[in-house]
PDB file of N, CA and C in Angstrom:
ATOM      1  N   MET A   1      50.753 -32.422 -22.513  1.00  0.00           N
ATOM      2  CA  MET A   1      51.177 -32.198 -23.858  1.00  0.00           C
ATOM      3  C   MET A   1      49.980 -32.317 -24.786  1.00  0.00           C
ATOM      4  N   HIS A   2      49.975 -31.533 -25.844  1.00  0.00           N
ATOM      5  CA  HIS A   2      48.843 -31.525 -26.773  1.00  0.00           C
ATOM      6  C   HIS A   2      48.841 -32.809 -27.590  1.00  0.00           C
ATOM      7  N   THR A   3      47.748 -33.554 -27.530  1.00  0.00           N
ATOM      8  CA  THR A   3      47.665 -34.806 -28.272  1.00  0.00           C
ATOM      9  C   THR A   3      46.535 -34.800 -29.286  1.00  0.00           C
ATOM     10  N   ASN A   4      45.756 -33.738 -29.338  1.00  0.00           N
ATOM     11  CA  ASN A   4      44.645 -33.663 -30.274  1.00  0.00           C
ATOM     12  C   ASN A   4      45.176 -33.348 -31.671  1.00  0.00           C
ATOM     13  N   ASN A   5      44.960 -34.227 -32.632  1.00  0.00           N
ATOM     14  CA  ASN A   5      45.475 -34.048 -33.982  1.00  0.00           C
ATOM     15  C   ASN A   5      44.670 -33.039 -34.787  1.00  0.00           C
ATOM     16  N   THR A   6      43.597 -32.499 -34.231  1.00  0.00           N
ATOM     17  CA  THR A   6      42.762 -31.553 -34.958  1.00  0.00           C
ATOM     18  C   THR A   6      43.031 -30.113 -34.534  1.00  0.00           C
ATOM     19  N   PHE A   7      44.243 -29.813 -34.073  1.00  0.00           N
ATOM     20  CA  PHE A   7      44.610 -28.460 -33.671  1.00  0.00           C
ATOM     21  C   PHE A   7      44.471 -27.532 -34.872  1.00  0.00           C
ATOM     22  N   ASP A   8      43.686 -26.486 -34.731  1.00  0.00           N
ATOM     23  CA  ASP A   8      43.433 -25.556 -35.818  1.00  0.00           C
ATOM     24  C   ASP A   8      44.159 -24.243 -35.527  1.00  0.00           C
ATOM     25  N   PHE A   9      45.272 -24.026 -36.201  1.00  0.00           N
ATOM     26  CA  PHE A   9      46.100 -22.846 -36.011  1.00  0.00           C
ATOM     27  C   PHE A   9      45.301 -21.563 -36.208  1.00  0.00           C
ATOM     28  N   ARG A  10      44.530 -21.485 -37.290  1.00  0.00           N
ATOM     29  CA  ARG A  10      43.796 -20.261 -37.614  1.00  0.00           C
ATOM     30  C   ARG A  10      42.788 -19.916 -36.529  1.00  0.00           C
ATOM     31  N   THR A  11      42.018 -20.903 -36.065  1.00  0.00           N
ATOM     32  CA  THR A  11      41.027 -20.654 -35.019  1.00  0.00           C
ATOM     33  C   THR A  11      41.704 -20.293 -33.707  1.00  0.00           C
ATOM     34  N   ALA A  12      42.801 -20.954 -33.396  1.00  0.00           N
ATOM     35  CA  ALA A  12      43.501 -20.693 -32.142  1.00  0.00           C
ATOM     36  C   ALA A  12      43.992 -19.252 -32.067  1.00  0.00           C
ATOM     37  N   VAL A  13      44.403 -18.688 -33.179  1.00  0.00           N
ATOM     38  CA  VAL A  13      44.946 -17.334 -33.186  1.00  0.00           C
ATOM     39  C   VAL A  13      43.862 -16.288 -33.374  1.00  0.00           C
ATOM     40  N   THR A  14      42.899 -16.528 -34.236  1.00  0.00           N
ATOM     41  CA  THR A  14      41.912 -15.493 -34.556  1.00  0.00           C
ATOM     42  C   THR A  14      40.774 -15.401 -33.552  1.00  0.00           C
ATOM     43  N   SER A  15      40.661 -16.365 -32.668  1.00  0.00           N
ATOM     44  CA  SER A  15      39.564 -16.314 -31.714  1.00  0.00           C
ATOM     45  C   SER A  15      39.847 -15.375 -30.540  1.00  0.00           C
ATOM     46  N   LEU A  16      41.086 -14.934 -30.390  1.00  0.00           N
ATOM     47  CA  LEU A  16      41.462 -14.035 -29.297  1.00  0.00           C
ATOM     48  C   LEU A  16      42.121 -12.773 -29.857  1.00  0.00           C
ATOM     49  N   SER A  17      41.995 -11.680 -29.127  1.00  0.00           N
ATOM     50  CA  SER A  17      42.675 -10.452 -29.529  1.00  0.00           C
ATOM     51  C   SER A  17      44.146 -10.526 -29.107  1.00  0.00           C
ATOM     52  N   TYR A  18      44.948  -9.624 -29.643  1.00  0.00           N
ATOM     53  CA  TYR A  18      46.373  -9.558 -29.297  1.00  0.00           C
ATOM     54  C   TYR A  18      46.541  -9.331 -27.787  1.00  0.00           C
ATOM     55  N   ALA A  19      45.740  -8.430 -27.233  1.00  0.00           N
ATOM     56  CA  ALA A  19      45.820  -8.152 -25.793  1.00  0.00           C
ATOM     57  C   ALA A  19      45.437  -9.374 -24.963  1.00  0.00           C
ATOM     58  N   GLU A  20      44.419 -10.114 -25.400  1.00  0.00           N
ATOM     59  CA  GLU A  20      44.016 -11.330 -24.675  1.00  0.00           C
ATOM     60  C   GLU A  20      45.116 -12.391 -24.731  1.00  0.00           C
ATOM     61  N   ILE A  21      45.764 -12.508 -25.869  1.00  0.00           N
ATOM     62  CA  ILE A  21      46.858 -13.476 -25.994  1.00  0.00           C
ATOM     63  C   ILE A  21      48.019 -13.080 -25.088  1.00  0.00           C
ATOM     64  N   GLN A  22      48.361 -11.800 -25.057  1.00  0.00           N
ATOM     65  CA  GLN A  22      49.428 -11.340 -24.173  1.00  0.00           C
ATOM     66  C   GLN A  22      49.096 -11.627 -22.712  1.00  0.00           C
ATOM     67  N   ALA A  23      47.849 -11.380 -22.321  1.00  0.00           N
ATOM     68  CA  ALA A  23      47.435 -11.646 -20.938  1.00  0.00           C
ATOM     69  C   ALA A  23      47.511 -13.133 -20.614  1.00  0.00           C
ATOM     70  N   LEU A  24      47.072 -13.973 -21.535  1.00  0.00           N
ATOM     71  CA  LEU A  24      47.125 -15.412 -21.313  1.00  0.00           C
ATOM     72  C   LEU A  24      48.556 -15.904 -21.197  1.00  0.00           C
ATOM     73  N   VAL A  25      49.440 -15.384 -22.020  1.00  0.00           N
ATOM     74  CA  VAL A  25      50.842 -15.800 -21.983  1.00  0.00           C
ATOM     75  C   VAL A  25      51.484 -15.392 -20.661  1.00  0.00           C
ATOM     76  N   GLN A  26      51.158 -14.198 -20.174  1.00  0.00           N
ATOM     77  CA  GLN A  26      51.738 -13.707 -18.929  1.00  0.00           C
ATOM     78  C   GLN A  26      51.214 -14.458 -17.707  1.00  0.00           C
ATOM     79  N   THR A  27      49.988 -14.966 -17.773  1.00  0.00           N
ATOM     80  CA  THR A  27      49.408 -15.669 -16.625  1.00  0.00           C
ATOM     81  C   THR A  27      49.373 -17.172 -16.851  1.00  0.00           C
ATOM     82  N   SER A  28      50.090 -17.626 -17.847  1.00  0.00           N
ATOM     83  CA  SER A  28      50.065 -19.033 -18.225  1.00  0.00           C
ATOM     84  C   SER A  28      50.707 -19.916 -17.164  1.00  0.00           C
ATOM     85  N   VAL A  29      50.354 -21.175 -17.204  1.00  0.00           N
ATOM     86  CA  VAL A  29      50.950 -22.170 -16.318  1.00  0.00           C
ATOM     87  C   VAL A  29      52.144 -22.819 -17.017  1.00  0.00           C
ATOM     88  N   SER A  30      52.849 -22.045 -17.812  1.00  0.00           N
ATOM     89  CA  SER A  30      53.918 -22.572 -18.644  1.00  0.00           C
ATOM     90  C   SER A  30      55.098 -23.101 -17.840  1.00  0.00           C
ATOM     91  N   ASP A  31      55.192 -22.776 -16.551  1.00  0.00           N
ATOM     92  CA  ASP A  31      56.293 -23.300 -15.735  1.00  0.00           C
ATOM     93  C   ASP A  31      56.245 -24.820 -15.654  1.00  0.00           C
ATOM     94  N   ALA A  32      55.065 -25.383 -15.760  1.00  0.00           N
ATOM     95  CA  ALA A  32      54.915 -26.837 -15.664  1.00  0.00           C
ATOM     96  C   ALA A  32      55.116 -27.533 -17.007  1.00  0.00           C
ATOM     97  N   LEU A  33      55.261 -26.759 -18.077  1.00  0.00           N
ATOM     98  CA  LEU A  33      55.385 -27.339 -19.413  1.00  0.00           C
ATOM     99  C   LEU A  33      56.862 -27.479 -19.803  1.00  0.00           C
ATOM    100  N   PRO A  34      57.166 -28.444 -20.668  1.00  0.00           N
ATOM    101  CA  PRO A  34      58.544 -28.556 -21.159  1.00  0.00           C
ATOM    102  C   PRO A  34      58.889 -27.355 -22.037  1.00  0.00           C
ATOM    103  N   GLY A  35      60.131 -26.943 -21.987  1.00  0.00           N
ATOM    104  CA  GLY A  35      60.556 -25.763 -22.725  1.00  0.00           C
ATOM    105  C   GLY A  35      60.750 -26.017 -24.211  1.00  0.00           C
ATOM    106  N   LEU A  36      60.539 -24.974 -24.995  1.00  0.00           N
ATOM    107  CA  LEU A  36      60.809 -24.972 -26.423  1.00  0.00           C
ATOM    108  C   LEU A  36      61.620 -23.712 -26.693  1.00  0.00           C
ATOM    109  N   ASN A  37      62.927 -23.868 -26.930  1.00  0.00           N
ATOM    110  CA  ASN A  37      63.839 -22.742 -27.092  1.00  0.00           C
ATOM    111  C   ASN A  37      63.943 -22.328 -28.551  1.00  0.00           C
ATOM    112  N   LEU A  38      63.415 -21.136 -28.842  1.00  0.00           N
ATOM    113  CA  LEU A  38      63.405 -20.602 -30.202  1.00  0.00           C
ATOM    114  C   LEU A  38      64.435 -19.488 -30.314  1.00  0.00           C
ATOM    115  N   LEU A  39      65.186 -19.490 -31.399  1.00  0.00           N
ATOM    116  CA  LEU A  39      66.123 -18.412 -31.702  1.00  0.00           C
ATOM    117  C   LEU A  39      65.653 -17.757 -32.986  1.00  0.00           C
ATOM    118  N   VAL A  40      65.459 -16.441 -32.966  1.00  0.00           N
ATOM    119  CA  VAL A  40      64.952 -15.715 -34.129  1.00  0.00           C
ATOM    120  C   VAL A  40      66.045 -14.793 -34.657  1.00  0.00           C
ATOM    121  N   LEU A  41      66.390 -14.989 -35.919  1.00  0.00           N
ATOM    122  CA  LEU A  41      67.330 -14.118 -36.619  1.00  0.00           C
ATOM    123  C   LEU A  41      66.531 -13.407 -37.698  1.00  0.00           C
ATOM    124  N   ARG A  42      66.700 -12.069 -37.817  1.00  0.00           N
ATOM    125  CA  ARG A  42      65.857 -11.344 -38.754  1.00  0.00           C
ATOM    126  C   ARG A  42      66.491 -10.044 -39.211  1.00  0.00           C
ATOM    127  N   ASN A  43      66.018  -9.574 -40.370  1.00  0.00           N
ATOM    128  CA  ASN A  43      66.364  -8.235 -40.837  1.00  0.00           C
ATOM    129  C   ASN A  43      65.093  -7.457 -41.180  1.00  0.00           C
ATOM    130  N   ILE A  44      63.991  -7.905 -40.634  1.00  0.00           N
ATOM    131  CA  ILE A  44      62.713  -7.205 -40.724  1.00  0.00           C
ATOM    132  C   ILE A  44      62.132  -7.147 -39.315  1.00  0.00           C
ATOM    133  N   VAL A  45      61.207  -6.254 -39.090  1.00  0.00           N
ATOM    134  CA  VAL A  45      60.587  -6.131 -37.766  1.00  0.00           C
ATOM    135  C   VAL A  45      59.546  -7.231 -37.616  1.00  0.00           C
ATOM    136  N   ILE A  46      59.768  -8.134 -36.680  1.00  0.00           N
ATOM    137  CA  ILE A  46      58.875  -9.274 -36.472  1.00  0.00           C
ATOM    138  C   ILE A  46      58.559  -9.474 -34.982  1.00  0.00           C
ATOM    139  N   GLU A  47      59.115  -8.640 -34.129  1.00  0.00           N
ATOM    140  CA  GLU A  47      58.964  -8.808 -32.687  1.00  0.00           C
ATOM    141  C   GLU A  47      57.523  -8.901 -32.189  1.00  0.00           C
ATOM    142  N   PRO A  48      56.564  -8.184 -32.772  1.00  0.00           N
ATOM    143  CA  PRO A  48      55.191  -8.278 -32.259  1.00  0.00           C
ATOM    144  C   PRO A  48      54.562  -9.670 -32.372  1.00  0.00           C
ATOM    145  N   ILE A  49      55.174 -10.586 -33.093  1.00  0.00           N
ATOM    146  CA  ILE A  49      54.609 -11.921 -33.238  1.00  0.00           C
ATOM    147  C   ILE A  49      54.950 -12.841 -32.047  1.00  0.00           C
ATOM    148  N   GLU A  50      55.857 -12.413 -31.193  1.00  0.00           N
ATOM    149  CA  GLU A  50      56.305 -13.267 -30.084  1.00  0.00           C
ATOM    150  C   GLU A  50      55.173 -13.797 -29.206  1.00  0.00           C
ATOM    151  N   PRO A  51      54.196 -12.982 -28.777  1.00  0.00           N
ATOM    152  CA  PRO A  51      53.114 -13.542 -27.953  1.00  0.00           C
ATOM    153  C   PRO A  51      52.330 -14.651 -28.656  1.00  0.00           C
ATOM    154  N   TYR A  52      52.185 -14.546 -29.979  1.00  0.00           N
ATOM    155  CA  TYR A  52      51.493 -15.595 -30.726  1.00  0.00           C
ATOM    156  C   TYR A  52      52.266 -16.908 -30.649  1.00  0.00           C
ATOM    157  N   TRP A  53      53.587 -16.841 -30.817  1.00  0.00           N
ATOM    158  CA  TRP A  53      54.408 -18.050 -30.711  1.00  0.00           C
ATOM    159  C   TRP A  53      54.285 -18.661 -29.321  1.00  0.00           C
ATOM    160  N   GLN A  54      54.350 -17.821 -28.301  1.00  0.00           N
ATOM    161  CA  GLN A  54      54.250 -18.325 -26.929  1.00  0.00           C
ATOM    162  C   GLN A  54      52.888 -18.949 -26.672  1.00  0.00           C
ATOM    163  N   TYR A  55      51.838 -18.311 -27.156  1.00  0.00           N
ATOM    164  CA  TYR A  55      50.483 -18.825 -26.984  1.00  0.00           C
ATOM    165  C   TYR A  55      50.306 -20.164 -27.707  1.00  0.00           C
ATOM    166  N   LEU A  56      50.727 -20.216 -28.966  1.00  0.00           N
ATOM    167  CA  LEU A  56      50.577 -21.454 -29.732  1.00  0.00           C
ATOM    168  C   LEU A  56      51.426 -22.577 -29.156  1.00  0.00           C
ATOM    169  N   ALA A  57      52.618 -22.262 -28.689  1.00  0.00           N
ATOM    170  CA  ALA A  57      53.457 -23.275 -28.056  1.00  0.00           C
ATOM    171  C   ALA A  57      52.767 -23.820 -26.808  1.00  0.00           C
ATOM    172  N   CYS A  58      52.170 -22.932 -26.031  1.00  0.00           N
ATOM    173  CA  CYS A  58      51.440 -23.357 -24.827  1.00  0.00           C
ATOM    174  C   CYS A  58      50.264 -24.251 -25.207  1.00  0.00           C
ATOM    175  N   ARG A  59      49.554 -23.888 -26.269  1.00  0.00           N
ATOM    176  CA  ARG A  59      48.430 -24.714 -26.737  1.00  0.00           C
ATOM    177  C   ARG A  59      48.895 -26.099 -27.186  1.00  0.00           C
ATOM    178  N   MET A  60      50.147 -26.189 -27.644  1.00  0.00           N
ATOM    179  CA  MET A  60      50.693 -27.469 -28.095  1.00  0.00           C
ATOM    180  C   MET A  60      51.437 -28.205 -26.980  1.00  0.00           C
ATOM    181  N   GLY A  61      51.461 -27.615 -25.776  1.00  0.00           N
ATOM    182  CA  GLY A  61      52.062 -28.300 -24.636  1.00  0.00           C
ATOM    183  C   GLY A  61      53.502 -27.924 -24.351  1.00  0.00           C
ATOM    184  N   PHE A  62      53.932 -26.752 -24.796  1.00  0.00           N
ATOM    185  CA  PHE A  62      55.299 -26.301 -24.560  1.00  0.00           C
ATOM    186  C   PHE A  62      55.304 -24.877 -24.012  1.00  0.00           C
ATOM    187  N   ALA A  63      56.375 -24.534 -23.333  1.00  0.00           N
ATOM    188  CA  ALA A  63      56.603 -23.159 -22.890  1.00  0.00           C
ATOM    189  C   ALA A  63      57.684 -22.576 -23.784  1.00  0.00           C
ATOM    190  N   ALA A  64      57.311 -21.646 -24.659  1.00  0.00           N
ATOM    191  CA  ALA A  64      58.266 -21.074 -25.610  1.00  0.00           C
ATOM    192  C   ALA A  64      59.165 -20.056 -24.935  1.00  0.00           C
ATOM    193  N   ASN A  65      60.458 -20.221 -25.130  1.00  0.00           N
ATOM    194  CA  ASN A  65      61.463 -19.261 -24.697  1.00  0.00           C
ATOM    195  C   ASN A  65      62.053 -18.664 -25.966  1.00  0.00           C
ATOM    196  N   VAL A  66      61.632 -17.447 -26.311  1.00  0.00           N
ATOM    197  CA  VAL A  66      62.038 -16.824 -27.566  1.00  0.00           C
ATOM    198  C   VAL A  66      63.239 -15.925 -27.313  1.00  0.00           C
ATOM    199  N   ARG A  67      64.314 -16.195 -28.031  1.00  0.00           N
ATOM    200  CA  ARG A  67      65.529 -15.380 -27.955  1.00  0.00           C
ATOM    201  C   ARG A  67      65.701 -14.680 -29.302  1.00  0.00           C
ATOM    202  N   TRP A  68      66.186 -13.463 -29.277  1.00  0.00           N
ATOM    203  CA  TRP A  68      66.316 -12.660 -30.491  1.00  0.00           C
ATOM    204  C   TRP A  68      67.777 -12.373 -30.775  1.00  0.00           C
ATOM    205  N   GLY A  69      68.198 -12.616 -32.020  1.00  0.00           N
ATOM    206  CA  GLY A  69      69.522 -12.193 -32.452  1.00  0.00           C
ATOM    207  C   GLY A  69      69.501 -10.693 -32.693  1.00  0.00           C
ATOM    208  N   ASN A  70      70.655 -10.120 -32.970  1.00  0.00           N
ATOM    209  CA  ASN A  70      70.722  -8.689 -33.261  1.00  0.00           C
ATOM    210  C   ASN A  70      70.036  -8.398 -34.593  1.00  0.00           C
ATOM    211  N   TYR A  71      69.378  -7.256 -34.656  1.00  0.00           N
ATOM    212  CA  TYR A  71      68.659  -6.871 -35.872  1.00  0.00           C
ATOM    213  C   TYR A  71      69.634  -6.721 -37.034  1.00  0.00           C
ATOM    214  N   ASP A  72      69.284  -7.298 -38.175  1.00  0.00           N
ATOM    215  CA  ASP A  72      70.044  -7.210 -39.421  1.00  0.00           C
ATOM    216  C   ASP A  72      71.452  -7.793 -39.304  1.00  0.00           C
ATOM    217  N   ASN A  73      71.605  -8.816 -38.476  1.00  0.00           N
ATOM    218  CA  ASN A  73      72.884  -9.518 -38.322  1.00  0.00           C
ATOM    219  C   ASN A  73      72.680 -11.015 -38.454  1.00  0.00           C
ATOM    220  N   ILE A  74      71.915 -11.439 -39.421  1.00  0.00           N
ATOM    221  CA  ILE A  74      71.585 -12.854 -39.573  1.00  0.00           C
ATOM    222  C   ILE A  74      72.844 -13.693 -39.741  1.00  0.00           C
ATOM    223  N   VAL A  75      73.680 -13.313 -40.675  1.00  0.00           N
ATOM    224  CA  VAL A  75      74.898 -14.086 -40.948  1.00  0.00           C
ATOM    225  C   VAL A  75      75.847 -14.013 -39.755  1.00  0.00           C
ATOM    226  N   GLN A  76      76.062 -12.822 -39.233  1.00  0.00           N
ATOM    227  CA  GLN A  76      76.983 -12.651 -38.120  1.00  0.00           C
ATOM    228  C   GLN A  76      76.536 -13.455 -36.899  1.00  0.00           C
ATOM    229  N   ASP A  77      75.247 -13.373 -36.563  1.00  0.00           N
ATOM    230  CA  ASP A  77      74.747 -14.077 -35.380  1.00  0.00           C
ATOM    231  C   ASP A  77      74.740 -15.584 -35.572  1.00  0.00           C
ATOM    232  N   SER A  78      74.589 -16.040 -36.799  1.00  0.00           N
ATOM    233  CA  SER A  78      74.578 -17.490 -37.016  1.00  0.00           C
ATOM    234  C   SER A  78      75.981 -18.073 -37.012  1.00  0.00           C
ATOM    235  N   MET A  79      77.002 -17.231 -37.149  1.00  0.00           N
ATOM    236  CA  MET A  79      78.373 -17.734 -37.217  1.00  0.00           C
ATOM    237  C   MET A  79      79.232 -17.331 -36.027  1.00  0.00           C
ATOM    238  N   THR A  80      78.705 -16.570 -35.123  1.00  0.00           N
ATOM    239  CA  THR A  80      79.507 -16.057 -34.012  1.00  0.00           C
ATOM    240  C   THR A  80      79.787 -17.126 -32.965  1.00  0.00           C
ATOM    241  N   ASP A  81      80.889 -16.957 -32.268  1.00  0.00           N
ATOM    242  CA  ASP A  81      81.216 -17.869 -31.166  1.00  0.00           C
ATOM    243  C   ASP A  81      80.307 -17.627 -29.973  1.00  0.00           C
ATOM    244  N   GLN A  82      79.876 -16.399 -29.786  1.00  0.00           N
ATOM    245  CA  GLN A  82      78.969 -16.058 -28.693  1.00  0.00           C
ATOM    246  C   GLN A  82      77.547 -16.205 -29.202  1.00  0.00           C
ATOM    247  N   SER A  83      77.033 -17.416 -29.161  1.00  0.00           N
ATOM    248  CA  SER A  83      75.706 -17.661 -29.719  1.00  0.00           C
ATOM    249  C   SER A  83      74.619 -17.149 -28.783  1.00  0.00           C
ATOM    250  N   PHE A  84      73.453 -17.008 -29.336  1.00  0.00           N
ATOM    251  CA  PHE A  84      72.307 -16.510 -28.595  1.00  0.00           C
ATOM    252  C   PHE A  84      71.441 -17.676 -28.124  1.00  0.00           C
ATOM    253  N   VAL A  85      72.071 -18.691 -27.586  1.00  0.00           N
ATOM    254  CA  VAL A  85      71.321 -19.853 -27.125  1.00  0.00           C
ATOM    255  C   VAL A  85      70.729 -19.572 -25.763  1.00  0.00           C
ATOM    256  N   SER A  86      69.810 -20.427 -25.354  1.00  0.00           N
ATOM    257  CA  SER A  86      69.149 -20.253 -24.065  1.00  0.00           C
ATOM    258  C   SER A  86      70.130 -20.519 -22.931  1.00  0.00           C
ATOM    259  N   GLU A  87      69.682 -20.241 -21.728  1.00  0.00           N
ATOM    260  CA  GLU A  87      70.543 -20.382 -20.555  1.00  0.00           C
ATOM    261  C   GLU A  87      71.099 -21.799 -20.405  1.00  0.00           C
ATOM    262  N   ASN A  88      70.316 -22.799 -20.777  1.00  0.00           N
ATOM    263  CA  ASN A  88      70.789 -24.175 -20.621  1.00  0.00           C
ATOM    264  C   ASN A  88      71.585 -24.655 -21.832  1.00  0.00           C
ATOM    265  N   GLY A  89      71.836 -23.762 -22.789  1.00  0.00           N
ATOM    266  CA  GLY A  89      72.677 -24.104 -23.920  1.00  0.00           C
ATOM    267  C   GLY A  89      71.993 -24.840 -25.047  1.00  0.00           C
ATOM    268  N   ALA A  90      70.681 -24.959 -25.015  1.00  0.00           N
ATOM    269  CA  ALA A  90      69.971 -25.709 -26.054  1.00  0.00           C
ATOM    270  C   ALA A  90      69.096 -24.773 -26.872  1.00  0.00           C
ATOM    271  N   THR A  91      69.156 -24.915 -28.174  1.00  0.00           N
ATOM    272  CA  THR A  91      68.245 -24.217 -29.066  1.00  0.00           C
ATOM    273  C   THR A  91      67.498 -25.275 -29.852  1.00  0.00           C
ATOM    274  N   ASP A  92      66.191 -25.290 -29.721  1.00  0.00           N
ATOM    275  CA  ASP A  92      65.382 -26.305 -30.388  1.00  0.00           C
ATOM    276  C   ASP A  92      65.048 -25.929 -31.824  1.00  0.00           C
ATOM    277  N   CYS A  93      64.940 -24.643 -32.098  1.00  0.00           N
ATOM    278  CA  CYS A  93      64.522 -24.218 -33.430  1.00  0.00           C
ATOM    279  C   CYS A  93      65.111 -22.839 -33.725  1.00  0.00           C
ATOM    280  N   VAL A  94      65.667 -22.680 -34.917  1.00  0.00           N
ATOM    281  CA  VAL A  94      66.143 -21.380 -35.377  1.00  0.00           C
ATOM    282  C   VAL A  94      65.190 -20.920 -36.474  1.00  0.00           C
ATOM    283  N   ILE A  95      64.642 -19.727 -36.307  1.00  0.00           N
ATOM    284  CA  ILE A  95      63.706 -19.162 -37.272  1.00  0.00           C
ATOM    285  C   ILE A  95      64.371 -17.953 -37.913  1.00  0.00           C
ATOM    286  N   VAL A  96      64.415 -17.924 -39.229  1.00  0.00           N
ATOM    287  CA  VAL A  96      65.071 -16.831 -39.943  1.00  0.00           C
ATOM    288  C   VAL A  96      64.031 -16.078 -40.775  1.00  0.00           C
ATOM    289  N   PHE A  97      63.976 -14.770 -40.567  1.00  0.00           N
ATOM    290  CA  PHE A  97      63.121 -13.887 -41.357  1.00  0.00           C
ATOM    291  C   PHE A  97      64.039 -12.911 -42.076  1.00  0.00           C
ATOM    292  N   ALA A  98      64.024 -12.954 -43.391  1.00  0.00           N
ATOM    293  CA  ALA A  98      64.876 -12.061 -44.169  1.00  0.00           C
ATOM    294  C   ALA A  98      64.086 -11.528 -45.351  1.00  0.00           C
ATOM    295  N   GLY A  99      64.212 -10.237 -45.578  1.00  0.00           N
ATOM    296  CA  GLY A  99      63.579  -9.638 -46.742  1.00  0.00           C
ATOM    297  C   GLY A  99      64.203 -10.187 -48.017  1.00  0.00           C
ATOM    298  N   LEU A 100      63.383 -10.506 -48.979  1.00  0.00           N
ATOM    299  CA  LEU A 100      63.868 -11.098 -50.222  1.00  0.00           C
ATOM    300  C   LEU A 100      64.874 -10.191 -50.927  1.00  0.00           C
ATOM    301  N   ASP A 101      64.656  -8.895 -50.882  1.00  0.00           N
ATOM    302  CA  ASP A 101      65.562  -7.962 -51.539  1.00  0.00           C
ATOM    303  C   ASP A 101      66.964  -8.019 -50.933  1.00  0.00           C
ATOM    304  N   THR A 102      67.057  -8.302 -49.660  1.00  0.00           N
ATOM    305  CA  THR A 102      68.349  -8.403 -48.991  1.00  0.00           C
ATOM    306  C   THR A 102      69.063  -9.693 -49.359  1.00  0.00           C
ATOM    307  N   ILE A 103      68.325 -10.767 -49.458  1.00  0.00           N
ATOM    308  CA  ILE A 103      68.919 -12.064 -49.771  1.00  0.00           C
ATOM    309  C   ILE A 103      69.331 -12.133 -51.234  1.00  0.00           C
ATOM    310  N   SER A 104      68.447 -11.690 -52.115  1.00  0.00           N
ATOM    311  CA  SER A 104      68.716 -11.788 -53.551  1.00  0.00           C
ATOM    312  C   SER A 104      68.050 -10.632 -54.302  1.00  0.00           C
ATOM    313  N   PRO A 105      68.792  -9.541 -54.488  1.00  0.00           N
ATOM    314  CA  PRO A 105      68.228  -8.433 -55.247  1.00  0.00           C
ATOM    315  C   PRO A 105      67.829  -8.843 -56.663  1.00  0.00           C
ATOM    316  N   MET A 106      68.600  -9.741 -57.251  1.00  0.00           N
ATOM    317  CA  MET A 106      68.284 -10.202 -58.607  1.00  0.00           C
ATOM    318  C   MET A 106      66.961 -10.941 -58.639  1.00  0.00           C
ATOM    319  N   LEU A 107      66.706 -11.767 -57.658  1.00  0.00           N
ATOM    320  CA  LEU A 107      65.458 -12.514 -57.610  1.00  0.00           C
ATOM    321  C   LEU A 107      64.273 -11.595 -57.354  1.00  0.00           C
ATOM    322  N   SER A 108      64.445 -10.575 -56.521  1.00  0.00           N
ATOM    323  CA  SER A 108      63.321  -9.701 -56.193  1.00  0.00           C
ATOM    324  C   SER A 108      63.059  -8.633 -57.252  1.00  0.00           C
ATOM    325  N   ARG A 109      64.089  -8.226 -58.023  1.00  0.00           N
ATOM    326  CA  ARG A 109      63.899  -7.155 -58.999  1.00  0.00           C
ATOM    327  C   ARG A 109      64.360  -7.494 -60.406  1.00  0.00           C
ATOM    328  N   GLY A 110      64.886  -8.690 -60.611  1.00  0.00           N
ATOM    329  CA  GLY A 110      65.492  -9.011 -61.884  1.00  0.00           C
ATOM    330  C   GLY A 110      64.577  -9.611 -62.927  1.00  0.00           C
ATOM    331  N   PHE A 111      63.295  -9.516 -62.736  1.00  0.00           N
ATOM    332  CA  PHE A 111      62.377 -10.084 -63.729  1.00  0.00           C
ATOM    333  C   PHE A 111      62.207  -9.129 -64.907  1.00  0.00           C
ATOM    334  N   ALA A 112      62.116  -9.691 -66.091  1.00  0.00           N
ATOM    335  CA  ALA A 112      61.967  -8.864 -67.295  1.00  0.00           C
ATOM    336  C   ALA A 112      60.533  -8.455 -67.502  1.00  0.00           C
TER     337      ALA A 112
END
C-alpha cells in the first residue's frame, strides 16, 4: 500500500503518455492489491479517463474496478433497484460527472 505522503498527482500522470499508462495498467500486478470499486455516473463523455484512474489507484496501492452507469441516466441509475455495483456487491466510491447546463440551466445561463 502507498505510504509516501509526498505523492504528486501531476507528476504521476504527466510523466507517462496515455499509451504507456494503458500498457502499465494492462500488465499491472493489481491482482495482489486490494480492490477499489468505483461507480461512474455521467452525462458527458469521460470514458477515456479510466486508465488514469486505474494507474493512480495502483500507484496508491489499490486495484481500481471501474463500473459505468448508463450514459445520461444519472438520476435513474442512482435510484434503480438494479444497481451497477461490483460483483461482490460493494461500491467504494460513486463519481458523478454532469454538465452544468443539464443540472441547472439557470445557473449556467442566467447571469445578467
